[in-house]
């Protein structure tokens, strides 16, 4: 997991922890790597994404490109050969498609032949646009179905619930 902040409500570290907690709830056997991205000059309300990676099934990916720095740990996780990359952003919209950490992570995943998923509060781009940068699919917190469970109303809780839902579909 290698996220940056989800707007002003969830920091990069909190996003990584929430996604990791949700993923582990649904797929406890998966090996996860948590590497919050360092955002350099990209507004949290803009294209600053939250890349996440699940290992065993996945591992984080990042790239020092387009105005952000990927921690060394991210490069090491990529070298480990992840099976899946999960990234995220508050709002996955047109600003996320060019010059953003999310776009750089998605392209890097595609270059390595690794599926890339996006978790977001809101998804405003279509499959074709997302696919053009290497995103296989995206999931929005707003589109999540609780399945009868009580949904945590906090932003981090909703992100963890979404991660659990996605893990139940993508974990091996």
N, C-alpha and C. Protein backbone atom coordinates (compact mmCIF):
# COMPACT_ATOMS: atom_id res chain seq x y z
N UNK A 1 0.86 -1.16 0.00
CA UNK A 1 0.00 0.00 0.00
C UNK A 1 0.90 1.22 0.00
N UNK A 2 0.62 2.10 -0.91
CA UNK A 2 1.47 3.28 -1.03
C UNK A 2 0.62 4.49 -1.31
N UNK A 3 -0.15 4.93 -0.35
CA UNK A 3 -1.05 6.05 -0.60
C UNK A 3 -0.49 7.41 -0.21
N UNK A 4 -1.07 8.41 -0.84
CA UNK A 4 -0.93 9.78 -0.36
C UNK A 4 -2.27 10.10 0.31
N UNK A 5 -2.49 11.34 0.67
CA UNK A 5 -3.68 11.68 1.43
C UNK A 5 -4.96 11.63 0.59
N UNK A 6 -6.07 11.29 1.24
CA UNK A 6 -7.40 11.38 0.64
C UNK A 6 -7.99 12.71 1.08
N UNK A 7 -7.60 13.76 0.40
CA UNK A 7 -8.07 15.09 0.77
C UNK A 7 -7.59 15.47 2.16
N UNK A 8 -8.36 16.29 2.82
CA UNK A 8 -7.99 16.78 4.14
C UNK A 8 -8.47 15.86 5.26
N UNK A 9 -9.23 14.82 4.91
CA UNK A 9 -9.83 13.98 5.95
C UNK A 9 -9.00 12.76 6.34
N UNK A 10 -8.19 12.23 5.41
CA UNK A 10 -7.41 11.03 5.69
C UNK A 10 -5.99 11.24 5.16
N UNK A 11 -5.02 11.21 6.06
CA UNK A 11 -3.62 11.38 5.64
C UNK A 11 -3.14 10.14 4.88
N UNK A 12 -1.98 10.26 4.26
CA UNK A 12 -1.41 9.13 3.53
C UNK A 12 -1.20 7.92 4.44
N UNK A 13 -0.66 8.17 5.62
CA UNK A 13 -0.42 7.08 6.57
C UNK A 13 -1.74 6.46 7.04
N UNK A 14 -2.73 7.31 7.30
CA UNK A 14 -4.04 6.81 7.71
C UNK A 14 -4.72 6.02 6.59
N UNK A 15 -4.56 6.49 5.35
CA UNK A 15 -5.14 5.79 4.20
C UNK A 15 -4.51 4.41 4.06
N UNK A 16 -3.18 4.35 4.15
CA UNK A 16 -2.49 3.07 4.04
C UNK A 16 -2.94 2.12 5.15
N UNK A 17 -3.04 2.64 6.37
CA UNK A 17 -3.47 1.81 7.49
C UNK A 17 -4.91 1.32 7.31
N UNK A 18 -5.80 2.21 6.86
CA UNK A 18 -7.21 1.84 6.67
C UNK A 18 -7.36 0.80 5.57
N UNK A 19 -6.67 1.00 4.46
CA UNK A 19 -6.76 0.04 3.36
C UNK A 19 -6.16 -1.30 3.78
N UNK A 20 -5.03 -1.23 4.48
CA UNK A 20 -4.41 -2.47 4.97
C UNK A 20 -5.31 -3.21 5.93
N UNK A 21 -5.94 -2.49 6.84
CA UNK A 21 -6.83 -3.11 7.82
C UNK A 21 -8.02 -3.76 7.12
N UNK A 22 -8.61 -3.06 6.16
CA UNK A 22 -9.74 -3.63 5.43
C UNK A 22 -9.34 -4.83 4.60
N UNK A 23 -8.19 -4.72 3.94
CA UNK A 23 -7.72 -5.83 3.09
C UNK A 23 -7.46 -7.08 3.94
N UNK A 24 -6.80 -6.87 5.09
CA UNK A 24 -6.49 -8.01 5.96
C UNK A 24 -7.74 -8.67 6.52
N UNK A 25 -8.78 -7.87 6.72
CA UNK A 25 -10.04 -8.41 7.21
C UNK A 25 -10.62 -9.44 6.22
N UNK A 26 -10.53 -9.14 4.94
CA UNK A 26 -11.10 -10.02 3.92
C UNK A 26 -10.11 -11.06 3.40
N UNK A 27 -8.82 -10.74 3.45
CA UNK A 27 -7.80 -11.64 2.89
C UNK A 27 -6.61 -11.72 3.84
N UNK A 28 -6.79 -12.36 5.00
CA UNK A 28 -5.73 -12.37 6.00
C UNK A 28 -4.44 -13.05 5.56
N UNK A 29 -4.49 -13.88 4.54
CA UNK A 29 -3.30 -14.58 4.08
C UNK A 29 -2.44 -13.78 3.11
N UNK A 30 -2.96 -12.67 2.61
CA UNK A 30 -2.19 -11.85 1.67
C UNK A 30 -1.08 -11.10 2.40
N UNK A 31 0.05 -11.00 1.74
CA UNK A 31 1.17 -10.23 2.26
C UNK A 31 1.03 -8.80 1.74
N UNK A 32 1.01 -7.84 2.65
CA UNK A 32 0.84 -6.44 2.27
C UNK A 32 2.10 -5.65 2.57
N UNK A 33 2.36 -4.67 1.74
CA UNK A 33 3.44 -3.73 1.98
C UNK A 33 2.84 -2.34 2.05
N UNK A 34 3.08 -1.62 3.14
CA UNK A 34 2.53 -0.27 3.32
C UNK A 34 3.63 0.75 3.09
N UNK A 35 3.44 1.60 2.09
CA UNK A 35 4.43 2.63 1.78
C UNK A 35 3.69 3.90 1.39
N UNK A 36 3.36 4.77 2.34
CA UNK A 36 2.70 6.03 1.98
C UNK A 36 3.61 6.86 1.06
N UNK A 37 3.02 7.40 0.00
CA UNK A 37 3.78 8.22 -0.94
C UNK A 37 4.02 9.60 -0.38
N UNK A 38 5.12 10.18 -0.80
CA UNK A 38 5.44 11.56 -0.44
C UNK A 38 4.95 12.43 -1.56
N UNK A 39 4.10 13.38 -1.24
CA UNK A 39 3.50 14.27 -2.21
C UNK A 39 4.29 15.58 -2.23
N UNK A 40 4.77 15.98 -3.39
CA UNK A 40 5.54 17.21 -3.51
C UNK A 40 4.79 18.23 -4.35
N UNK A 41 4.12 19.15 -3.71
CA UNK A 41 3.49 20.24 -4.43
C UNK A 41 2.21 19.90 -5.16
N UNK A 42 1.60 18.78 -4.86
CA UNK A 42 0.33 18.44 -5.49
C UNK A 42 -0.73 18.52 -4.41
N UNK A 43 -1.73 19.32 -4.65
CA UNK A 43 -2.79 19.53 -3.68
C UNK A 43 -3.55 18.26 -3.39
N UNK A 44 -3.95 18.08 -2.14
CA UNK A 44 -4.76 16.92 -1.78
C UNK A 44 -6.13 16.98 -2.45
N UNK A 45 -6.55 18.17 -2.87
CA UNK A 45 -7.83 18.27 -3.56
C UNK A 45 -7.64 18.06 -5.04
N UNK A 46 -6.39 17.98 -5.48
CA UNK A 46 -6.09 17.74 -6.88
C UNK A 46 -5.77 16.29 -7.11
N UNK A 47 -4.81 16.01 -7.98
CA UNK A 47 -4.57 14.65 -8.40
C UNK A 47 -3.72 13.81 -7.46
N UNK A 48 -3.51 14.23 -6.23
CA UNK A 48 -2.69 13.43 -5.33
C UNK A 48 -3.36 12.12 -5.03
N UNK A 49 -2.79 11.00 -5.46
CA UNK A 49 -3.42 9.71 -5.27
C UNK A 49 -2.93 8.98 -4.05
N UNK A 50 -3.49 7.86 -3.82
CA UNK A 50 -3.14 7.02 -2.71
C UNK A 50 -2.86 5.62 -3.20
N UNK A 51 -1.68 5.38 -3.76
CA UNK A 51 -1.38 4.06 -4.23
C UNK A 51 -1.27 3.08 -3.08
N UNK A 52 -1.78 1.95 -3.29
CA UNK A 52 -1.79 0.90 -2.29
C UNK A 52 -1.42 -0.38 -2.99
N UNK A 53 -0.76 -1.24 -2.32
CA UNK A 53 -0.45 -2.50 -2.95
C UNK A 53 -0.64 -3.64 -2.00
N UNK A 54 -1.25 -4.65 -2.48
CA UNK A 54 -1.43 -5.86 -1.71
C UNK A 54 -0.46 -6.87 -2.26
N UNK A 55 0.32 -7.48 -1.42
CA UNK A 55 1.31 -8.42 -1.88
C UNK A 55 0.87 -9.82 -1.56
N UNK A 56 1.63 -10.79 -2.03
CA UNK A 56 1.19 -12.16 -1.90
C UNK A 56 0.21 -12.31 -3.03
N UNK A 57 -0.59 -11.31 -3.12
CA UNK A 57 -1.47 -11.01 -4.22
C UNK A 57 -0.96 -9.72 -4.81
N UNK A 58 -0.18 -8.99 -4.00
CA UNK A 58 0.21 -7.68 -4.48
C UNK A 58 1.32 -7.05 -3.68
N UNK A 59 1.71 -5.85 -4.07
CA UNK A 59 2.79 -5.11 -3.47
C UNK A 59 2.77 -3.71 -4.03
N UNK A 60 3.29 -2.65 -3.34
CA UNK A 60 3.11 -1.30 -3.85
C UNK A 60 4.03 -0.92 -4.99
N UNK A 61 3.56 -0.01 -5.77
CA UNK A 61 4.34 0.49 -6.88
C UNK A 61 4.30 1.99 -6.87
N UNK A 62 5.37 2.58 -7.26
CA UNK A 62 5.39 4.03 -7.35
C UNK A 62 6.46 4.44 -8.31
N UNK A 63 6.59 5.72 -8.51
CA UNK A 63 7.58 6.22 -9.44
C UNK A 63 7.86 7.67 -9.11
N UNK A 64 9.12 8.03 -9.13
CA UNK A 64 9.46 9.42 -8.91
C UNK A 64 9.27 10.14 -10.23
N UNK A 65 8.10 10.67 -10.44
CA UNK A 65 7.79 11.33 -11.70
C UNK A 65 6.66 12.32 -11.49
N UNK A 66 6.59 13.27 -12.35
CA UNK A 66 5.47 14.20 -12.40
C UNK A 66 5.16 14.87 -11.07
N UNK A 67 6.17 15.32 -10.36
CA UNK A 67 5.92 16.13 -9.18
C UNK A 67 5.76 15.39 -7.88
N UNK A 68 6.09 14.13 -7.80
CA UNK A 68 6.04 13.45 -6.52
C UNK A 68 7.23 12.51 -6.40
N UNK A 69 7.55 12.19 -5.18
CA UNK A 69 8.68 11.30 -4.93
C UNK A 69 8.17 9.99 -4.35
N UNK A 70 8.62 8.90 -4.92
CA UNK A 70 8.26 7.59 -4.40
C UNK A 70 9.33 7.17 -3.42
N UNK A 71 8.95 6.75 -2.23
CA UNK A 71 9.94 6.29 -1.27
C UNK A 71 10.75 5.12 -1.81
N UNK A 72 11.96 4.98 -1.33
CA UNK A 72 12.82 3.88 -1.72
C UNK A 72 12.12 2.55 -1.46
N UNK A 73 11.33 2.50 -0.40
CA UNK A 73 10.60 1.28 -0.05
C UNK A 73 9.65 0.85 -1.17
N UNK A 74 9.14 1.82 -1.88
CA UNK A 74 8.23 1.54 -2.98
C UNK A 74 8.96 0.83 -4.11
N UNK A 75 10.15 1.30 -4.43
CA UNK A 75 10.96 0.64 -5.45
C UNK A 75 11.30 -0.79 -5.03
N UNK A 76 11.60 -0.97 -3.76
CA UNK A 76 11.92 -2.31 -3.26
C UNK A 76 10.70 -3.22 -3.36
N UNK A 77 9.53 -2.69 -3.05
CA UNK A 77 8.32 -3.49 -3.14
C UNK A 77 8.02 -3.86 -4.59
N UNK A 78 8.28 -2.96 -5.51
CA UNK A 78 8.07 -3.24 -6.92
C UNK A 78 9.03 -4.33 -7.37
N UNK A 79 10.26 -4.26 -6.90
CA UNK A 79 11.28 -5.26 -7.26
C UNK A 79 10.90 -6.64 -6.75
N UNK A 80 10.08 -6.69 -5.70
CA UNK A 80 9.66 -7.97 -5.13
C UNK A 80 8.65 -8.70 -6.01
N UNK A 81 8.17 -8.03 -7.05
CA UNK A 81 7.24 -8.68 -7.97
C UNK A 81 5.83 -8.80 -7.46
N UNK A 82 5.16 -7.68 -7.23
CA UNK A 82 3.79 -7.72 -6.72
C UNK A 82 2.84 -8.39 -7.70
N UNK A 83 1.78 -8.97 -7.17
CA UNK A 83 0.75 -9.57 -8.00
C UNK A 83 -0.38 -8.62 -8.29
N UNK A 84 -0.44 -7.53 -7.54
CA UNK A 84 -1.51 -6.56 -7.67
C UNK A 84 -1.06 -5.24 -7.08
N UNK A 85 -1.47 -4.15 -7.71
CA UNK A 85 -1.20 -2.82 -7.17
C UNK A 85 -2.54 -2.16 -6.92
N UNK A 86 -2.69 -1.61 -5.74
CA UNK A 86 -3.90 -0.87 -5.40
C UNK A 86 -3.46 0.54 -5.08
N UNK A 87 -4.02 1.50 -5.77
CA UNK A 87 -3.71 2.89 -5.53
C UNK A 87 -5.01 3.60 -5.23
N UNK A 88 -4.93 4.83 -4.81
CA UNK A 88 -6.17 5.52 -4.49
C UNK A 88 -6.01 7.01 -4.49
N UNK A 89 -7.13 7.68 -4.49
CA UNK A 89 -7.18 9.13 -4.51
C UNK A 89 -8.55 9.54 -3.98
N UNK A 90 -8.62 10.73 -3.43
CA UNK A 90 -9.92 11.21 -2.94
C UNK A 90 -10.97 11.17 -4.04
N UNK A 91 -10.67 11.85 -5.16
CA UNK A 91 -11.57 11.87 -6.31
C UNK A 91 -10.76 11.45 -7.53
N UNK A 92 -11.15 10.36 -8.16
CA UNK A 92 -10.48 9.87 -9.37
C UNK A 92 -11.17 10.55 -10.55
N UNK A 93 -10.57 11.65 -11.00
CA UNK A 93 -11.16 12.43 -12.09
C UNK A 93 -10.09 12.76 -13.12
N UNK A 94 -10.39 13.65 -14.05
CA UNK A 94 -9.47 13.99 -15.14
C UNK A 94 -8.12 14.46 -14.64
N UNK A 95 -8.07 15.08 -13.47
CA UNK A 95 -6.79 15.55 -12.94
C UNK A 95 -5.87 14.40 -12.55
N UNK A 96 -6.43 13.24 -12.31
CA UNK A 96 -5.64 12.07 -11.93
C UNK A 96 -5.01 11.38 -13.13
N UNK A 97 -5.43 11.73 -14.34
CA UNK A 97 -5.00 11.02 -15.53
C UNK A 97 -3.64 11.45 -16.07
N UNK A 98 -3.20 12.64 -15.77
CA UNK A 98 -1.94 13.14 -16.30
C UNK A 98 -1.14 13.84 -15.21
N UNK A 99 0.14 13.52 -15.14
CA UNK A 99 1.03 14.22 -14.24
C UNK A 99 0.76 14.03 -12.77
N UNK A 100 0.11 12.95 -12.40
CA UNK A 100 -0.19 12.70 -10.99
C UNK A 100 0.55 11.44 -10.54
N UNK A 101 0.72 11.29 -9.24
CA UNK A 101 1.31 10.06 -8.72
C UNK A 101 0.49 8.83 -9.13
N UNK A 102 -0.84 8.95 -9.11
CA UNK A 102 -1.68 7.83 -9.50
C UNK A 102 -1.37 7.39 -10.92
N UNK A 103 -1.27 8.33 -11.84
CA UNK A 103 -0.96 8.00 -13.23
C UNK A 103 0.41 7.34 -13.35
N UNK A 104 1.39 7.85 -12.63
CA UNK A 104 2.74 7.28 -12.68
C UNK A 104 2.75 5.86 -12.12
N UNK A 105 2.04 5.62 -11.04
CA UNK A 105 1.97 4.30 -10.44
C UNK A 105 1.26 3.33 -11.39
N UNK A 106 0.15 3.78 -11.97
CA UNK A 106 -0.60 2.91 -12.89
C UNK A 106 0.24 2.55 -14.11
N UNK A 107 0.96 3.51 -14.66
CA UNK A 107 1.81 3.23 -15.82
C UNK A 107 2.92 2.25 -15.46
N UNK A 108 3.47 2.44 -14.28
CA UNK A 108 4.54 1.54 -13.84
C UNK A 108 4.01 0.12 -13.66
N UNK A 109 2.83 0.00 -13.11
CA UNK A 109 2.21 -1.33 -12.96
C UNK A 109 2.00 -1.96 -14.34
N UNK A 110 1.47 -1.18 -15.28
CA UNK A 110 1.24 -1.69 -16.63
C UNK A 110 2.55 -2.12 -17.28
N UNK A 111 3.61 -1.33 -17.08
CA UNK A 111 4.92 -1.67 -17.65
C UNK A 111 5.42 -3.02 -17.12
N UNK A 112 5.02 -3.36 -15.90
CA UNK A 112 5.44 -4.62 -15.29
C UNK A 112 4.40 -5.73 -15.45
N UNK A 113 3.32 -5.43 -16.16
CA UNK A 113 2.29 -6.44 -16.37
C UNK A 113 1.51 -6.81 -15.13
N UNK A 114 1.37 -5.84 -14.21
CA UNK A 114 0.68 -6.08 -12.94
C UNK A 114 -0.65 -5.32 -12.95
N UNK A 115 -1.75 -5.99 -12.61
CA UNK A 115 -3.04 -5.28 -12.55
C UNK A 115 -2.99 -4.13 -11.55
N UNK A 116 -3.66 -3.04 -11.88
CA UNK A 116 -3.70 -1.86 -11.01
C UNK A 116 -5.15 -1.48 -10.76
N UNK A 117 -5.50 -1.35 -9.48
CA UNK A 117 -6.84 -0.95 -9.06
C UNK A 117 -6.78 0.41 -8.40
N UNK A 118 -7.85 1.16 -8.50
CA UNK A 118 -7.95 2.46 -7.84
C UNK A 118 -9.10 2.43 -6.85
N UNK A 119 -8.84 2.84 -5.62
CA UNK A 119 -9.88 3.06 -4.62
C UNK A 119 -10.03 4.56 -4.47
N UNK A 120 -11.26 5.05 -4.46
CA UNK A 120 -11.48 6.49 -4.38
C UNK A 120 -12.78 6.77 -3.64
N UNK A 121 -12.89 7.97 -3.15
CA UNK A 121 -14.14 8.39 -2.56
C UNK A 121 -15.19 8.50 -3.66
N UNK A 122 -14.74 9.01 -4.82
CA UNK A 122 -15.63 9.21 -5.96
C UNK A 122 -14.86 8.92 -7.24
N UNK A 123 -15.47 8.23 -8.19
CA UNK A 123 -14.86 7.93 -9.49
C UNK A 123 -15.62 8.68 -10.57
N UNK A 124 -14.90 9.56 -11.28
CA UNK A 124 -15.53 10.38 -12.31
C UNK A 124 -14.92 10.17 -13.70
N UNK A 125 -14.10 9.14 -13.88
CA UNK A 125 -13.56 8.82 -15.19
C UNK A 125 -14.08 7.45 -15.62
N UNK A 126 -14.18 7.27 -16.91
CA UNK A 126 -14.67 6.02 -17.45
C UNK A 126 -13.56 4.99 -17.58
N UNK A 127 -13.98 3.78 -17.93
CA UNK A 127 -13.03 2.68 -18.08
C UNK A 127 -11.99 2.95 -19.14
N UNK A 128 -12.40 3.54 -20.25
CA UNK A 128 -11.48 3.79 -21.35
C UNK A 128 -10.38 4.76 -20.92
N UNK A 129 -10.76 5.84 -20.25
CA UNK A 129 -9.76 6.82 -19.79
C UNK A 129 -8.84 6.21 -18.75
N UNK A 130 -9.41 5.46 -17.84
CA UNK A 130 -8.60 4.82 -16.80
C UNK A 130 -7.66 3.79 -17.42
N UNK A 131 -8.17 3.01 -18.35
CA UNK A 131 -7.36 1.99 -19.00
C UNK A 131 -6.19 2.57 -19.79
N UNK A 132 -6.37 3.77 -20.31
CA UNK A 132 -5.31 4.41 -21.09
C UNK A 132 -4.08 4.70 -20.25
N UNK A 133 -4.23 4.83 -18.94
CA UNK A 133 -3.06 5.07 -18.08
C UNK A 133 -2.63 3.82 -17.33
N UNK A 134 -3.32 2.69 -17.57
CA UNK A 134 -2.91 1.44 -16.94
C UNK A 134 -3.76 0.98 -15.78
N UNK A 135 -4.89 1.64 -15.53
CA UNK A 135 -5.79 1.23 -14.44
C UNK A 135 -6.75 0.17 -14.97
N UNK A 136 -6.78 -0.98 -14.32
CA UNK A 136 -7.66 -2.06 -14.75
C UNK A 136 -9.11 -1.82 -14.34
N UNK A 137 -9.31 -1.35 -13.12
CA UNK A 137 -10.66 -1.03 -12.66
C UNK A 137 -10.56 -0.09 -11.46
N UNK A 138 -11.68 0.56 -11.17
CA UNK A 138 -11.70 1.48 -10.04
C UNK A 138 -12.97 1.25 -9.22
N UNK A 139 -12.87 1.57 -7.94
CA UNK A 139 -13.97 1.37 -7.01
C UNK A 139 -14.18 2.64 -6.21
N UNK A 140 -15.45 3.02 -6.04
CA UNK A 140 -15.78 4.21 -5.28
C UNK A 140 -16.43 3.84 -3.95
N UNK A 141 -16.06 4.56 -2.91
CA UNK A 141 -16.68 4.35 -1.60
C UNK A 141 -18.18 4.55 -1.73
N UNK A 142 -18.60 5.53 -2.52
CA UNK A 142 -20.02 5.84 -2.67
C UNK A 142 -20.80 4.71 -3.34
N UNK A 143 -20.12 3.83 -4.10
CA UNK A 143 -20.80 2.74 -4.77
C UNK A 143 -20.79 1.44 -4.00
N UNK A 144 -20.30 1.48 -2.79
CA UNK A 144 -20.14 0.27 -1.99
C UNK A 144 -21.46 -0.18 -1.39
N UNK A 145 -21.67 -1.48 -1.40
CA UNK A 145 -22.87 -2.08 -0.80
C UNK A 145 -22.47 -2.72 0.52
N UNK A 146 -23.19 -2.43 1.57
CA UNK A 146 -22.80 -2.91 2.89
C UNK A 146 -23.10 -4.38 3.11
N UNK A 147 -24.00 -4.96 2.36
CA UNK A 147 -24.32 -6.38 2.55
C UNK A 147 -24.91 -6.67 3.92
N UNK A 148 -25.63 -5.72 4.49
CA UNK A 148 -26.27 -5.93 5.77
C UNK A 148 -25.42 -5.51 6.95
N UNK A 149 -24.12 -5.28 6.73
CA UNK A 149 -23.25 -4.85 7.83
C UNK A 149 -23.40 -3.36 8.07
N UNK A 150 -23.17 -2.95 9.29
CA UNK A 150 -23.14 -1.53 9.58
C UNK A 150 -21.88 -0.94 8.96
N UNK A 151 -22.01 0.15 8.24
CA UNK A 151 -20.87 0.78 7.59
C UNK A 151 -20.34 1.88 8.48
N UNK A 152 -19.03 1.87 8.70
CA UNK A 152 -18.39 2.90 9.52
C UNK A 152 -18.54 4.24 8.81
N UNK A 153 -19.10 5.24 9.47
CA UNK A 153 -19.33 6.52 8.81
C UNK A 153 -18.08 7.40 8.68
N UNK A 154 -16.98 7.03 9.31
CA UNK A 154 -15.77 7.85 9.19
C UNK A 154 -15.12 7.60 7.84
N UNK A 155 -14.40 8.59 7.30
CA UNK A 155 -13.74 8.39 6.01
C UNK A 155 -12.77 7.20 6.01
N UNK A 156 -11.97 7.07 7.06
CA UNK A 156 -11.03 5.94 7.13
C UNK A 156 -11.79 4.62 7.24
N UNK A 157 -12.88 4.60 7.99
CA UNK A 157 -13.68 3.39 8.13
C UNK A 157 -14.33 2.98 6.81
N UNK A 158 -14.83 3.96 6.07
CA UNK A 158 -15.43 3.68 4.77
C UNK A 158 -14.38 3.16 3.80
N UNK A 159 -13.17 3.72 3.86
CA UNK A 159 -12.07 3.26 3.00
C UNK A 159 -11.67 1.83 3.36
N UNK A 160 -11.63 1.51 4.64
CA UNK A 160 -11.31 0.15 5.08
C UNK A 160 -12.38 -0.83 4.60
N UNK A 161 -13.64 -0.44 4.68
CA UNK A 161 -14.74 -1.30 4.22
C UNK A 161 -14.64 -1.53 2.71
N UNK A 162 -14.31 -0.49 1.96
CA UNK A 162 -14.14 -0.64 0.52
C UNK A 162 -12.97 -1.57 0.21
N UNK A 163 -11.86 -1.42 0.92
CA UNK A 163 -10.70 -2.29 0.72
C UNK A 163 -11.06 -3.74 1.00
N UNK A 164 -11.85 -4.00 2.03
CA UNK A 164 -12.27 -5.37 2.34
C UNK A 164 -13.12 -5.94 1.21
N UNK A 165 -14.01 -5.13 0.70
CA UNK A 165 -14.86 -5.55 -0.43
C UNK A 165 -14.01 -5.90 -1.65
N UNK A 166 -13.06 -5.04 -1.97
CA UNK A 166 -12.19 -5.26 -3.13
C UNK A 166 -11.31 -6.49 -2.91
N UNK A 167 -10.78 -6.63 -1.72
CA UNK A 167 -9.93 -7.79 -1.40
C UNK A 167 -10.70 -9.09 -1.58
N UNK A 168 -11.97 -9.10 -1.22
CA UNK A 168 -12.76 -10.32 -1.36
C UNK A 168 -12.93 -10.71 -2.83
N UNK A 169 -12.78 -9.75 -3.73
CA UNK A 169 -12.90 -10.03 -5.15
C UNK A 169 -11.56 -10.33 -5.82
N UNK A 170 -10.48 -9.74 -5.31
CA UNK A 170 -9.19 -9.82 -5.99
C UNK A 170 -8.15 -10.71 -5.31
N UNK A 171 -8.34 -11.08 -4.08
CA UNK A 171 -7.34 -11.89 -3.38
C UNK A 171 -7.33 -13.30 -3.96
N UNK A 172 -6.15 -13.90 -3.96
CA UNK A 172 -6.04 -15.28 -4.49
C UNK A 172 -6.20 -16.27 -3.36
